[in-house]
Amino acid sequence: MARTSDTDSITKISGRLRTDLRALGGAVDERRSEILDTVTNFTREQPYLATGLALGAGFVLAGGLFSRTTGRVLVFAGRHMFGKLLRQAVTTTLLTGALGAASNSSVKH
């Protein structure tokens, strides 16, 4: 008798599990369709941005983010930006000093 009730409970549990898995599969298919529609619409509305994002993701996934070439590009860009910043700071300092000296000399006369 105990074996029959165990078999019945296993049959009920497997039936519920099958039903739940079908419901989960349906929900996954529905969500996949929603995501696919969203991506398709975005790609149609913003094709260049979508292409850029795909290229960037491919670059990162391919390991390009931590390559020597990327390091060299970042060092070059950093030096370039630091040079511009330094030139701007020096120019601003010189102009401020020149304007201050001109205003001081006009006050003395």
N, C-alpha and C. Protein backbone atom coordinates (compact mmCIF):
# COMPACT_ATOMS: atom_id res chain seq x y z
N MET A 1 0.81 -1.20 0.00
CA MET A 1 0.00 0.00 0.00
C MET A 1 0.86 1.27 0.00
N ALA A 2 1.91 1.27 0.77
CA ALA A 2 2.75 2.44 0.88
C ALA A 2 3.39 2.76 -0.46
N ARG A 3 3.71 1.71 -1.23
CA ARG A 3 4.32 1.94 -2.53
C ARG A 3 3.33 2.60 -3.49
N THR A 4 2.10 2.26 -3.42
CA THR A 4 1.10 2.85 -4.31
C THR A 4 0.91 4.32 -3.98
N SER A 5 0.88 4.68 -2.70
CA SER A 5 0.70 6.08 -2.34
C SER A 5 1.95 6.88 -2.68
N ASP A 6 3.14 6.27 -2.54
CA ASP A 6 4.37 6.96 -2.94
C ASP A 6 4.38 7.20 -4.44
N THR A 7 3.96 6.22 -5.19
CA THR A 7 3.91 6.34 -6.65
C THR A 7 2.90 7.41 -7.05
N ASP A 8 1.76 7.42 -6.37
CA ASP A 8 0.75 8.45 -6.66
C ASP A 8 1.28 9.84 -6.36
N SER A 9 1.98 10.01 -5.22
CA SER A 9 2.49 11.33 -4.86
C SER A 9 3.59 11.75 -5.82
N ILE A 10 4.43 10.81 -6.26
CA ILE A 10 5.47 11.13 -7.23
C ILE A 10 4.83 11.52 -8.56
N THR A 11 3.78 10.83 -8.95
CA THR A 11 3.07 11.15 -10.19
C THR A 11 2.45 12.53 -10.10
N LYS A 12 1.86 12.87 -8.96
CA LYS A 12 1.26 14.20 -8.78
C LYS A 12 2.34 15.28 -8.83
N ILE A 13 3.44 15.03 -8.13
CA ILE A 13 4.52 16.01 -8.11
C ILE A 13 5.11 16.21 -9.50
N SER A 14 5.33 15.12 -10.22
CA SER A 14 5.88 15.24 -11.57
C SER A 14 4.90 15.95 -12.49
N GLY A 15 3.62 15.73 -12.29
CA GLY A 15 2.61 16.44 -13.09
C GLY A 15 2.63 17.93 -12.82
N ARG A 16 2.73 18.29 -11.54
CA ARG A 16 2.82 19.72 -11.19
C ARG A 16 4.10 20.35 -11.73
N LEU A 17 5.19 19.60 -11.62
CA LEU A 17 6.46 20.09 -12.12
C LEU A 17 6.39 20.32 -13.63
N ARG A 18 5.79 19.37 -14.35
CA ARG A 18 5.63 19.52 -15.79
C ARG A 18 4.80 20.76 -16.12
N THR A 19 3.73 20.98 -15.39
CA THR A 19 2.87 22.14 -15.61
C THR A 19 3.62 23.43 -15.32
N ASP A 20 4.36 23.44 -14.22
CA ASP A 20 5.13 24.64 -13.87
C ASP A 20 6.21 24.93 -14.90
N LEU A 21 6.87 23.89 -15.39
CA LEU A 21 7.92 24.09 -16.40
C LEU A 21 7.33 24.61 -17.71
N ARG A 22 6.15 24.14 -18.07
CA ARG A 22 5.48 24.67 -19.28
C ARG A 22 5.14 26.15 -19.10
N ALA A 23 4.64 26.49 -17.90
CA ALA A 23 4.31 27.90 -17.63
C ALA A 23 5.57 28.75 -17.66
N LEU A 24 6.65 28.24 -17.09
CA LEU A 24 7.92 28.97 -17.11
C LEU A 24 8.43 29.14 -18.53
N GLY A 25 8.34 28.09 -19.33
CA GLY A 25 8.75 28.17 -20.73
C GLY A 25 7.94 29.20 -21.50
N GLY A 26 6.64 29.27 -21.23
CA GLY A 26 5.80 30.27 -21.88
C GLY A 26 6.18 31.68 -21.47
N ALA A 27 6.46 31.87 -20.18
CA ALA A 27 6.87 33.19 -19.69
C ALA A 27 8.21 33.60 -20.29
N VAL A 28 9.14 32.66 -20.40
CA VAL A 28 10.45 32.95 -20.99
C VAL A 28 10.29 33.33 -22.46
N ASP A 29 9.47 32.59 -23.20
CA ASP A 29 9.23 32.91 -24.61
C ASP A 29 8.60 34.29 -24.78
N GLU A 30 7.67 34.61 -23.90
CA GLU A 30 7.01 35.93 -23.97
C GLU A 30 8.01 37.05 -23.69
N ARG A 31 8.83 36.88 -22.67
CA ARG A 31 9.83 37.90 -22.33
C ARG A 31 10.88 38.03 -23.43
N ARG A 32 11.28 36.90 -24.03
CA ARG A 32 12.24 36.93 -25.13
C ARG A 32 11.67 37.72 -26.30
N SER A 33 10.40 37.53 -26.59
CA SER A 33 9.75 38.27 -27.67
C SER A 33 9.73 39.77 -27.38
N GLU A 34 9.45 40.13 -26.13
CA GLU A 34 9.43 41.55 -25.74
C GLU A 34 10.82 42.17 -25.91
N ILE A 35 11.84 41.46 -25.46
CA ILE A 35 13.21 41.98 -25.57
C ILE A 35 13.61 42.10 -27.04
N LEU A 36 13.28 41.11 -27.83
CA LEU A 36 13.60 41.15 -29.26
C LEU A 36 12.92 42.32 -29.95
N ASP A 37 11.65 42.57 -29.60
CA ASP A 37 10.94 43.72 -30.18
C ASP A 37 11.60 45.04 -29.77
N THR A 38 11.98 45.15 -28.50
CA THR A 38 12.63 46.37 -28.02
C THR A 38 13.95 46.62 -28.74
N VAL A 39 14.77 45.58 -28.86
CA VAL A 39 16.06 45.72 -29.54
C VAL A 39 15.86 46.05 -31.01
N THR A 40 14.90 45.41 -31.65
CA THR A 40 14.63 45.67 -33.06
C THR A 40 14.18 47.11 -33.28
N ASN A 41 13.29 47.60 -32.44
CA ASN A 41 12.83 48.99 -32.56
C ASN A 41 13.97 49.97 -32.32
N PHE A 42 14.79 49.71 -31.30
CA PHE A 42 15.93 50.58 -31.01
C PHE A 42 16.89 50.62 -32.19
N THR A 43 17.15 49.46 -32.77
CA THR A 43 18.07 49.39 -33.91
C THR A 43 17.53 50.15 -35.11
N ARG A 44 16.23 50.08 -35.32
CA ARG A 44 15.64 50.82 -36.44
C ARG A 44 15.65 52.33 -36.19
N GLU A 45 15.43 52.74 -34.94
CA GLU A 45 15.39 54.17 -34.62
C GLU A 45 16.79 54.78 -34.51
N GLN A 46 17.75 54.03 -34.02
CA GLN A 46 19.11 54.54 -33.78
C GLN A 46 20.14 53.57 -34.38
N PRO A 47 20.22 53.45 -35.70
CA PRO A 47 21.11 52.43 -36.28
C PRO A 47 22.59 52.66 -36.00
N TYR A 48 23.03 53.92 -36.01
CA TYR A 48 24.45 54.18 -35.77
C TYR A 48 24.83 53.92 -34.32
N LEU A 49 23.96 54.31 -33.40
CA LEU A 49 24.23 54.06 -31.99
C LEU A 49 24.23 52.55 -31.71
N ALA A 50 23.29 51.83 -32.30
CA ALA A 50 23.24 50.38 -32.11
C ALA A 50 24.50 49.71 -32.65
N THR A 51 24.97 50.18 -33.79
CA THR A 51 26.20 49.62 -34.37
C THR A 51 27.39 49.93 -33.47
N GLY A 52 27.47 51.15 -32.97
CA GLY A 52 28.56 51.52 -32.07
C GLY A 52 28.55 50.69 -30.79
N LEU A 53 27.36 50.49 -30.24
CA LEU A 53 27.26 49.68 -29.02
C LEU A 53 27.68 48.24 -29.29
N ALA A 54 27.28 47.71 -30.44
CA ALA A 54 27.66 46.33 -30.79
C ALA A 54 29.17 46.22 -30.98
N LEU A 55 29.77 47.20 -31.64
CA LEU A 55 31.22 47.19 -31.82
C LEU A 55 31.95 47.30 -30.49
N GLY A 56 31.47 48.18 -29.62
CA GLY A 56 32.08 48.33 -28.30
C GLY A 56 31.97 47.07 -27.47
N ALA A 57 30.81 46.45 -27.50
CA ALA A 57 30.62 45.21 -26.74
C ALA A 57 31.53 44.11 -27.29
N GLY A 58 31.63 44.02 -28.59
CA GLY A 58 32.52 43.03 -29.20
C GLY A 58 33.97 43.28 -28.84
N PHE A 59 34.37 44.54 -28.83
CA PHE A 59 35.74 44.91 -28.47
C PHE A 59 36.05 44.48 -27.04
N VAL A 60 35.14 44.77 -26.13
CA VAL A 60 35.35 44.42 -24.72
C VAL A 60 35.34 42.90 -24.54
N LEU A 61 34.38 42.22 -25.16
CA LEU A 61 34.28 40.77 -25.00
C LEU A 61 35.46 40.04 -25.64
N ALA A 62 36.05 40.64 -26.66
CA ALA A 62 37.20 40.02 -27.32
C ALA A 62 38.49 40.25 -26.55
N GLY A 63 38.44 41.02 -25.48
CA GLY A 63 39.63 41.25 -24.66
C GLY A 63 40.41 42.48 -25.07
N GLY A 64 39.87 43.29 -25.94
CA GLY A 64 40.57 44.47 -26.42
C GLY A 64 40.72 45.56 -25.38
N LEU A 65 39.92 45.50 -24.33
CA LEU A 65 39.97 46.55 -23.32
C LEU A 65 41.29 46.54 -22.56
N PHE A 66 41.88 45.37 -22.39
CA PHE A 66 43.10 45.27 -21.61
C PHE A 66 44.31 44.88 -22.47
N SER A 67 44.31 45.31 -23.72
CA SER A 67 45.42 44.99 -24.61
C SER A 67 46.50 46.07 -24.52
N ARG A 68 47.67 45.76 -25.07
CA ARG A 68 48.75 46.75 -25.09
C ARG A 68 48.38 47.95 -25.95
N THR A 69 47.71 47.67 -27.05
CA THR A 69 47.32 48.76 -27.96
C THR A 69 46.39 49.73 -27.26
N THR A 70 45.42 49.21 -26.51
CA THR A 70 44.51 50.09 -25.77
C THR A 70 45.28 50.90 -24.74
N GLY A 71 46.24 50.28 -24.08
CA GLY A 71 47.06 51.00 -23.11
C GLY A 71 47.83 52.14 -23.77
N ARG A 72 48.39 51.87 -24.94
CA ARG A 72 49.15 52.92 -25.65
C ARG A 72 48.23 54.06 -26.06
N VAL A 73 47.04 53.72 -26.55
CA VAL A 73 46.09 54.76 -26.96
C VAL A 73 45.69 55.61 -25.75
N LEU A 74 45.43 54.96 -24.62
CA LEU A 74 45.05 55.71 -23.42
C LEU A 74 46.18 56.60 -22.93
N VAL A 75 47.43 56.11 -23.00
CA VAL A 75 48.57 56.93 -22.58
C VAL A 75 48.71 58.13 -23.51
N PHE A 76 48.59 57.89 -24.83
CA PHE A 76 48.69 58.98 -25.79
C PHE A 76 47.58 60.01 -25.56
N ALA A 77 46.35 59.54 -25.39
CA ALA A 77 45.23 60.46 -25.15
C ALA A 77 45.41 61.21 -23.85
N GLY A 78 45.90 60.54 -22.82
CA GLY A 78 46.13 61.20 -21.53
C GLY A 78 47.18 62.29 -21.64
N ARG A 79 48.26 62.01 -22.36
CA ARG A 79 49.30 63.02 -22.55
C ARG A 79 48.76 64.21 -23.32
N HIS A 80 47.98 63.90 -24.35
CA HIS A 80 47.40 64.98 -25.16
C HIS A 80 46.48 65.88 -24.31
N MET A 81 45.61 65.25 -23.52
CA MET A 81 44.68 66.01 -22.69
C MET A 81 45.43 66.78 -21.60
N PHE A 82 46.47 66.17 -21.02
CA PHE A 82 47.25 66.86 -20.00
C PHE A 82 47.97 68.06 -20.61
N GLY A 83 48.49 67.91 -21.82
CA GLY A 83 49.15 69.03 -22.50
C GLY A 83 48.20 70.18 -22.74
N LYS A 84 46.98 69.86 -23.20
CA LYS A 84 45.98 70.92 -23.41
C LYS A 84 45.63 71.61 -22.10
N LEU A 85 45.46 70.81 -21.06
CA LEU A 85 45.11 71.37 -19.75
C LEU A 85 46.22 72.27 -19.23
N LEU A 86 47.46 71.82 -19.40
CA LEU A 86 48.60 72.60 -18.94
C LEU A 86 48.72 73.91 -19.73
N ARG A 87 48.55 73.85 -21.05
CA ARG A 87 48.60 75.07 -21.87
C ARG A 87 47.51 76.05 -21.45
N GLN A 88 46.32 75.52 -21.20
CA GLN A 88 45.21 76.38 -20.78
C GLN A 88 45.50 77.03 -19.43
N ALA A 89 46.07 76.27 -18.51
CA ALA A 89 46.38 76.82 -17.18
C ALA A 89 47.45 77.90 -17.28
N VAL A 90 48.48 77.65 -18.09
CA VAL A 90 49.55 78.63 -18.24
C VAL A 90 49.01 79.89 -18.91
N THR A 91 48.23 79.72 -19.97
CA THR A 91 47.65 80.88 -20.67
C THR A 91 46.78 81.70 -19.73
N THR A 92 45.93 81.01 -18.97
CA THR A 92 45.05 81.71 -18.02
C THR A 92 45.87 82.46 -16.98
N THR A 93 46.91 81.82 -16.47
CA THR A 93 47.77 82.46 -15.46
C THR A 93 48.47 83.68 -16.03
N LEU A 94 49.01 83.55 -17.24
CA LEU A 94 49.71 84.67 -17.85
C LEU A 94 48.77 85.83 -18.15
N LEU A 95 47.58 85.50 -18.67
CA LEU A 95 46.60 86.56 -18.97
C LEU A 95 46.14 87.24 -17.69
N THR A 96 45.89 86.47 -16.65
CA THR A 96 45.46 87.05 -15.39
C THR A 96 46.56 87.94 -14.81
N GLY A 97 47.81 87.48 -14.91
CA GLY A 97 48.93 88.28 -14.42
C GLY A 97 49.11 89.54 -15.23
N ALA A 98 48.96 89.44 -16.56
CA ALA A 98 49.13 90.61 -17.42
C ALA A 98 48.00 91.61 -17.19
N LEU A 99 46.80 91.15 -17.02
CA LEU A 99 45.68 92.04 -16.77
C LEU A 99 45.81 92.69 -15.40
N GLY A 100 46.28 91.93 -14.43
CA GLY A 100 46.47 92.49 -13.09
C GLY A 100 47.56 93.53 -13.09
N ALA A 101 48.65 93.28 -13.82
CA ALA A 101 49.75 94.27 -13.90
C ALA A 101 49.29 95.52 -14.62
N ALA A 102 48.50 95.38 -15.67
CA ALA A 102 48.02 96.53 -16.42
C ALA A 102 47.08 97.36 -15.54
N SER A 103 46.25 96.74 -14.76
CA SER A 103 45.33 97.49 -13.91
C SER A 103 46.08 98.18 -12.78
N ASN A 104 47.12 97.53 -12.26
CA ASN A 104 47.94 98.14 -11.18
C ASN A 104 48.74 99.34 -11.72
N SER A 105 49.24 99.25 -12.94
CA SER A 105 50.03 100.36 -13.48
C SER A 105 49.13 101.53 -13.83
N SER A 106 47.90 101.28 -14.22
CA SER A 106 47.00 102.39 -14.52
C SER A 106 46.54 103.10 -13.26
N VAL A 107 46.51 102.38 -12.14
CA VAL A 107 46.09 102.96 -10.89
C VAL A 107 47.20 103.87 -10.34
N LYS A 108 48.48 103.55 -10.54
CA LYS A 108 49.61 104.33 -10.02
C LYS A 108 49.75 105.65 -10.74
N HIS A 109 49.38 105.75 -11.97
CA HIS A 109 49.56 106.99 -12.73
C HIS A 109 48.49 107.94 -12.43
